Amino acid sequence: MRMFAAISILFFVPDFYTSVVNSQETKLTATNNVVVSIAMEAEAAPLIQKLGLEKNDEVLPSQVPFEAYSGTICNDGTKITVVTNGKDSVYNTGVDNVGTVPAALATFLVLQNIPDADILINAGTCGGFGRKGAEIGDVFLTTEVVNHDRRIPIPPFIPYGIGKLKDENI
């Protein structure tokens, strides 16, 4: 549970601040609204419980299986919303909706309804692989994104299918 400990320390620092990169300088600005995207309910449950968050039916459309939990953290009234992908309602398997499509859609919808979000944290396994050295509890600062589940074996589509994007700000 090292990852949860690292995240909870971050949230309980008084006057929670984030570094915002301006084209040539870095300045600190107050963070008033945090969104945390976590695919699986089991991954989100300890954070939701620890922060005392309550289910929020106003953040997401009622037609989607995604769930949102909201509350206030820190002494300065910083708002936090944790969104999960919910459970499979199409095949009635009861498993969590995982993968890039539900995660992207849930995150998009919550950010549409919380336009003043200052920071988005993607937490959970996030595609970490043990064979690459990842262990439960590890925290990673990503420098690029690669689609591991979207292969298109047609030569002109291969770069698009892999979709490798580098973060030029890190």
C-alpha atoms as a PDB file:
ATOM      1  CA  MET A   1       0.000   0.000   0.000  1.00  0.00           C
ATOM      2  CA  ARG A   2       2.921   2.380  -0.525  1.00  0.00           C
ATOM      3  CA  MET A   3       1.065   4.151  -3.354  1.00  0.00           C
ATOM      4  CA  PHE A   4      -1.936   4.964  -1.141  1.00  0.00           C
ATOM      5  CA  ALA A   5       0.385   6.290   1.549  1.00  0.00           C
ATOM      6  CA  ALA A   6       2.149   8.557  -0.950  1.00  0.00           C
ATOM      7  CA  ILE A   7      -1.137   9.881  -2.303  1.00  0.00           C
ATOM      8  CA  SER A   8      -2.650  10.463   1.137  1.00  0.00           C
ATOM      9  CA  ILE A   9       0.427  12.413   2.268  1.00  0.00           C
ATOM     10  CA  LEU A  10       0.072  14.608  -0.797  1.00  0.00           C
ATOM     11  CA  PHE A  11      -3.584  15.353  -0.012  1.00  0.00           C
ATOM     12  CA  PHE A  12      -3.124  16.179   3.659  1.00  0.00           C
ATOM     13  CA  VAL A  13      -0.452  18.828   3.240  1.00  0.00           C
ATOM     14  CA  PRO A  14      -1.971  22.159   4.386  1.00  0.00           C
ATOM     15  CA  ASP A  15      -2.381  24.732   1.640  1.00  0.00           C
ATOM     16  CA  PHE A  16      -2.053  22.106  -1.079  1.00  0.00           C
ATOM     17  CA  TYR A  17      -0.164  23.607  -4.017  1.00  0.00           C
ATOM     18  CA  THR A  18       0.762  22.417  -7.455  1.00  0.00           C
ATOM     19  CA  SER A  19       3.494  23.571  -9.787  1.00  0.00           C
ATOM     20  CA  VAL A  20       2.131  25.077 -12.983  1.00  0.00           C
ATOM     21  CA  VAL A  21       4.555  25.361 -15.867  1.00  0.00           C
ATOM     22  CA  ASN A  22       4.329  28.675 -17.666  1.00  0.00           C
ATOM     23  CA  SER A  23       6.218  28.881 -20.975  1.00  0.00           C
ATOM     24  CA  GLN A  24       9.411  30.204 -19.356  1.00  0.00           C
ATOM     25  CA  GLU A  25       8.892  30.124 -15.609  1.00  0.00           C
ATOM     26  CA  THR A  26       7.386  27.935 -12.923  1.00  0.00           C
ATOM     27  CA  LYS A  27       4.998  29.440 -10.422  1.00  0.00           C
ATOM     28  CA  LEU A  28       2.986  27.957  -7.574  1.00  0.00           C
ATOM     29  CA  THR A  29      -0.780  28.273  -7.659  1.00  0.00           C
ATOM     30  CA  ALA A  30      -3.371  27.050  -5.171  1.00  0.00           C
ATOM     31  CA  THR A  31      -5.112  23.817  -6.089  1.00  0.00           C
ATOM     32  CA  ASN A  32      -8.807  24.114  -5.310  1.00  0.00           C
ATOM     33  CA  ASN A  33     -10.256  21.178  -7.207  1.00  0.00           C
ATOM     34  CA  VAL A  34      -8.634  17.732  -7.633  1.00  0.00           C
ATOM     35  CA  VAL A  35      -9.946  14.874  -9.805  1.00  0.00           C
ATOM     36  CA  VAL A  36      -8.606  11.354  -9.291  1.00  0.00           C
ATOM     37  CA  SER A  37      -9.369   8.746 -11.955  1.00  0.00           C
ATOM     38  CA  ILE A  38      -9.122   5.124 -10.763  1.00  0.00           C
ATOM     39  CA  ALA A  39     -10.346   2.267 -12.973  1.00  0.00           C
ATOM     40  CA  MET A  40     -11.202  -0.389 -10.415  1.00  0.00           C
ATOM     41  CA  GLU A  41     -13.485   0.078  -7.428  1.00  0.00           C
ATOM     42  CA  ALA A  42     -11.201  -2.057  -5.219  1.00  0.00           C
ATOM     43  CA  GLU A  43      -8.315   0.314  -5.992  1.00  0.00           C
ATOM     44  CA  ALA A  44     -10.440   3.386  -5.219  1.00  0.00           C
ATOM     45  CA  ALA A  45     -12.183   2.105  -2.073  1.00  0.00           C
ATOM     46  CA  PRO A  46      -9.333   2.770   0.431  1.00  0.00           C
ATOM     47  CA  LEU A  47      -8.932   6.358  -0.775  1.00  0.00           C
ATOM     48  CA  ILE A  48     -12.698   7.000  -0.792  1.00  0.00           C
ATOM     49  CA  GLN A  49     -12.999   5.577   2.721  1.00  0.00           C
ATOM     50  CA  LYS A  50      -9.913   7.339   4.140  1.00  0.00           C
ATOM     51  CA  LEU A  51     -11.059  10.734   2.836  1.00  0.00           C
ATOM     52  CA  GLY A  52     -14.706  10.159   3.818  1.00  0.00           C
ATOM     53  CA  LEU A  53     -15.972  10.868   0.304  1.00  0.00           C
ATOM     54  CA  GLU A  54     -19.653  10.500  -0.541  1.00  0.00           C
ATOM     55  CA  LYS A  55     -21.273   9.280  -3.753  1.00  0.00           C
ATOM     56  CA  ASN A  56     -21.952  12.184  -6.105  1.00  0.00           C
ATOM     57  CA  ASP A  57     -24.691  11.539  -8.675  1.00  0.00           C
ATOM     58  CA  GLU A  58     -24.472  15.065 -10.114  1.00  0.00           C
ATOM     59  CA  VAL A  59     -21.029  14.751 -11.758  1.00  0.00           C
ATOM     60  CA  LEU A  60     -21.787  12.006 -14.293  1.00  0.00           C
ATOM     61  CA  PRO A  61     -24.811  11.258 -16.511  1.00  0.00           C
ATOM     62  CA  SER A  62     -27.156   8.642 -15.018  1.00  0.00           C
ATOM     63  CA  GLN A  63     -26.942   6.503 -18.198  1.00  0.00           C
ATOM     64  CA  VAL A  64     -23.282   5.552 -17.655  1.00  0.00           C
ATOM     65  CA  PRO A  65     -21.942   2.894 -15.263  1.00  0.00           C
ATOM     66  CA  PHE A  66     -19.195   5.196 -13.954  1.00  0.00           C
ATOM     67  CA  GLU A  67     -19.285   6.381 -10.343  1.00  0.00           C
ATOM     68  CA  ALA A  68     -18.060   9.556  -8.686  1.00  0.00           C
ATOM     69  CA  TYR A  69     -17.334  10.283  -5.023  1.00  0.00           C
ATOM     70  CA  SER A  70     -16.706  13.805  -3.755  1.00  0.00           C
ATOM     71  CA  GLY A  71     -15.700  15.667  -0.650  1.00  0.00           C
ATOM     72  CA  THR A  72     -13.398  18.303   0.778  1.00  0.00           C
ATOM     73  CA  ILE A  73      -9.794  17.814   1.884  1.00  0.00           C
ATOM     74  CA  CYS A  74      -7.221  20.052   3.558  1.00  0.00           C
ATOM     75  CA  ASN A  75      -7.965  22.983   5.802  1.00  0.00           C
ATOM     76  CA  ASP A  76      -8.358  25.322   2.828  1.00  0.00           C
ATOM     77  CA  GLY A  77     -11.472  23.560   1.458  1.00  0.00           C
ATOM     78  CA  THR A  78      -9.859  21.859  -1.539  1.00  0.00           C
ATOM     79  CA  LYS A  79     -12.507  19.778  -3.341  1.00  0.00           C
ATOM     80  CA  ILE A  80     -11.721  16.254  -4.485  1.00  0.00           C
ATOM     81  CA  THR A  81     -13.651  13.953  -6.799  1.00  0.00           C
ATOM     82  CA  VAL A  82     -12.691  10.312  -7.313  1.00  0.00           C
ATOM     83  CA  VAL A  83     -14.178   8.706 -10.420  1.00  0.00           C
ATOM     84  CA  THR A  84     -14.241   4.969 -11.139  1.00  0.00           C
ATOM     85  CA  ASN A  85     -15.230   3.122 -14.300  1.00  0.00           C
ATOM     86  CA  GLY A  86     -18.005   1.213 -12.525  1.00  0.00           C
ATOM     87  CA  LYS A  87     -19.073  -2.360 -13.207  1.00  0.00           C
ATOM     88  CA  ASP A  88     -19.870  -4.115 -16.475  1.00  0.00           C
ATOM     89  CA  SER A  89     -23.582  -3.696 -17.184  1.00  0.00           C
ATOM     90  CA  VAL A  90     -23.517  -4.953 -20.791  1.00  0.00           C
ATOM     91  CA  TYR A  91     -22.545  -8.594 -20.224  1.00  0.00           C
ATOM     92  CA  ASN A  92     -23.615  -8.666 -16.551  1.00  0.00           C
ATOM     93  CA  THR A  93     -20.304 -10.182 -15.465  1.00  0.00           C
ATOM     94  CA  GLY A  94     -20.009  -7.959 -12.398  1.00  0.00           C
ATOM     95  CA  VAL A  95     -16.375  -7.181 -13.221  1.00  0.00           C
ATOM     96  CA  ASP A  96     -14.952  -3.672 -13.264  1.00  0.00           C
ATOM     97  CA  ASN A  97     -14.908  -1.793 -16.568  1.00  0.00           C
ATOM     98  CA  VAL A  98     -11.184  -1.642 -17.318  1.00  0.00           C
ATOM     99  CA  GLY A  99      -9.122  -0.548 -20.303  1.00  0.00           C
ATOM    100  CA  THR A 100      -8.495   2.619 -22.207  1.00  0.00           C
ATOM    101  CA  VAL A 101     -12.018   3.211 -23.540  1.00  0.00           C
ATOM    102  CA  PRO A 102     -13.912   3.257 -20.202  1.00  0.00           C
ATOM    103  CA  ALA A 103     -11.073   5.177 -18.523  1.00  0.00           C
ATOM    104  CA  ALA A 104     -10.980   7.818 -21.256  1.00  0.00           C
ATOM    105  CA  LEU A 105     -14.752   8.201 -21.351  1.00  0.00           C
ATOM    106  CA  ALA A 106     -15.167   8.397 -17.563  1.00  0.00           C
ATOM    107  CA  THR A 107     -12.349  10.937 -17.283  1.00  0.00           C
ATOM    108  CA  PHE A 108     -13.686  13.013 -20.191  1.00  0.00           C
ATOM    109  CA  LEU A 109     -17.201  13.124 -18.732  1.00  0.00           C
ATOM    110  CA  VAL A 110     -16.091  14.054 -15.229  1.00  0.00           C
ATOM    111  CA  LEU A 111     -13.827  16.824 -16.563  1.00  0.00           C
ATOM    112  CA  GLN A 112     -16.721  18.154 -18.678  1.00  0.00           C
ATOM    113  CA  ASN A 113     -18.758  18.482 -15.487  1.00  0.00           C
ATOM    114  CA  ILE A 114     -15.886  19.825 -13.366  1.00  0.00           C
ATOM    115  CA  PRO A 115     -14.388  22.413 -15.735  1.00  0.00           C
ATOM    116  CA  ASP A 116     -12.504  24.136 -12.908  1.00  0.00           C
ATOM    117  CA  ALA A 117     -10.433  21.045 -12.037  1.00  0.00           C
ATOM    118  CA  ASP A 118      -6.863  22.124 -11.307  1.00  0.00           C
ATOM    119  CA  ILE A 119      -5.227  18.713 -11.466  1.00  0.00           C
ATOM    120  CA  LEU A 120      -6.058  15.213 -12.708  1.00  0.00           C
ATOM    121  CA  ILE A 121      -4.384  12.232 -11.058  1.00  0.00           C
ATOM    122  CA  ASN A 122      -4.608   8.846 -12.769  1.00  0.00           C
ATOM    123  CA  ALA A 123      -4.130   6.260 -10.040  1.00  0.00           C
ATOM    124  CA  GLY A 124      -4.188   2.477  -9.922  1.00  0.00           C
ATOM    125  CA  THR A 125      -2.243  -0.057 -11.904  1.00  0.00           C
ATOM    126  CA  CYS A 126      -2.473   2.108 -15.018  1.00  0.00           C
ATOM    127  CA  GLY A 127      -1.167  -0.734 -17.175  1.00  0.00           C
ATOM    128  CA  GLY A 128       1.886  -1.469 -15.017  1.00  0.00           C
ATOM    129  CA  PHE A 129       3.504  -4.772 -15.883  1.00  0.00           C
ATOM    130  CA  GLY A 130       5.421  -6.985 -13.448  1.00  0.00           C
ATOM    131  CA  ARG A 131       7.729  -8.229 -16.202  1.00  0.00           C
ATOM    132  CA  LYS A 132       8.888  -4.615 -16.656  1.00  0.00           C
ATOM    133  CA  GLY A 133       9.731  -4.313 -12.961  1.00  0.00           C
ATOM    134  CA  ALA A 134       6.481  -2.778 -11.668  1.00  0.00           C
ATOM    135  CA  GLU A 135       5.274  -3.880  -8.247  1.00  0.00           C
ATOM    136  CA  ILE A 136       2.105  -3.143  -6.290  1.00  0.00           C
ATOM    137  CA  GLY A 137       2.602   0.151  -4.501  1.00  0.00           C
ATOM    138  CA  ASP A 138       5.098   1.610  -6.978  1.00  0.00           C
ATOM    139  CA  VAL A 139       4.493   5.189  -8.065  1.00  0.00           C
ATOM    140  CA  PHE A 140       5.527   6.334 -11.540  1.00  0.00           C
ATOM    141  CA  LEU A 141       5.829   9.781 -13.069  1.00  0.00           C
ATOM    142  CA  THR A 142       5.184   9.095 -16.731  1.00  0.00           C
ATOM    143  CA  THR A 143       7.105  10.743 -19.535  1.00  0.00           C
ATOM    144  CA  GLU A 144       5.225   9.107 -22.402  1.00  0.00           C
ATOM    145  CA  VAL A 145       2.072   7.178 -23.177  1.00  0.00           C
ATOM    146  CA  VAL A 146       1.879   4.046 -25.337  1.00  0.00           C
ATOM    147  CA  ASN A 147      -1.274   2.080 -26.186  1.00  0.00           C
ATOM    148  CA  HIS A 148      -0.556  -1.531 -25.221  1.00  0.00           C
ATOM    149  CA  ASP A 149      -3.989  -2.766 -26.278  1.00  0.00           C
ATOM    150  CA  ARG A 150      -4.427  -1.209 -29.710  1.00  0.00           C
ATOM    151  CA  ARG A 151      -2.432  -3.037 -32.365  1.00  0.00           C
ATOM    152  CA  ILE A 152      -3.249  -2.524 -36.044  1.00  0.00           C
ATOM    153  CA  PRO A 153      -0.967  -4.742 -38.198  1.00  0.00           C
ATOM    154  CA  ILE A 154      -1.403  -2.653 -41.363  1.00  0.00           C
ATOM    155  CA  PRO A 155       1.878  -0.814 -42.120  1.00  0.00           C
ATOM    156  CA  PRO A 156       0.537   2.762 -42.443  1.00  0.00           C
ATOM    157  CA  PHE A 157      -1.549   2.333 -39.267  1.00  0.00           C
ATOM    158  CA  ILE A 158       1.180   0.907 -36.987  1.00  0.00           C
ATOM    159  CA  PRO A 159       2.400   4.277 -35.557  1.00  0.00           C
ATOM    160  CA  TYR A 160      -1.201   5.391 -35.049  1.00  0.00           C
ATOM    161  CA  GLY A 161      -2.143   2.081 -33.421  1.00  0.00           C
ATOM    162  CA  ILE A 162       0.716   2.217 -30.936  1.00  0.00           C
ATOM    163  CA  GLY A 163      -0.007   5.890 -30.368  1.00  0.00           C
ATOM    164  CA  LYS A 164       3.249   6.701 -28.566  1.00  0.00           C
ATOM    165  CA  LEU A 165       3.161  10.250 -27.202  1.00  0.00           C
ATOM    166  CA  LYS A 166       5.959  11.932 -25.260  1.00  0.00           C
ATOM    167  CA  ASP A 167       5.350  14.559 -22.596  1.00  0.00           C
ATOM    168  CA  GLU A 168       7.562  17.462 -23.599  1.00  0.00           C
ATOM    169  CA  ASN A 169       7.053  19.214 -20.224  1.00  0.00           C
ATOM    170  CA  ILE A 170       8.844  16.567 -18.132  1.00  0.00           C
END
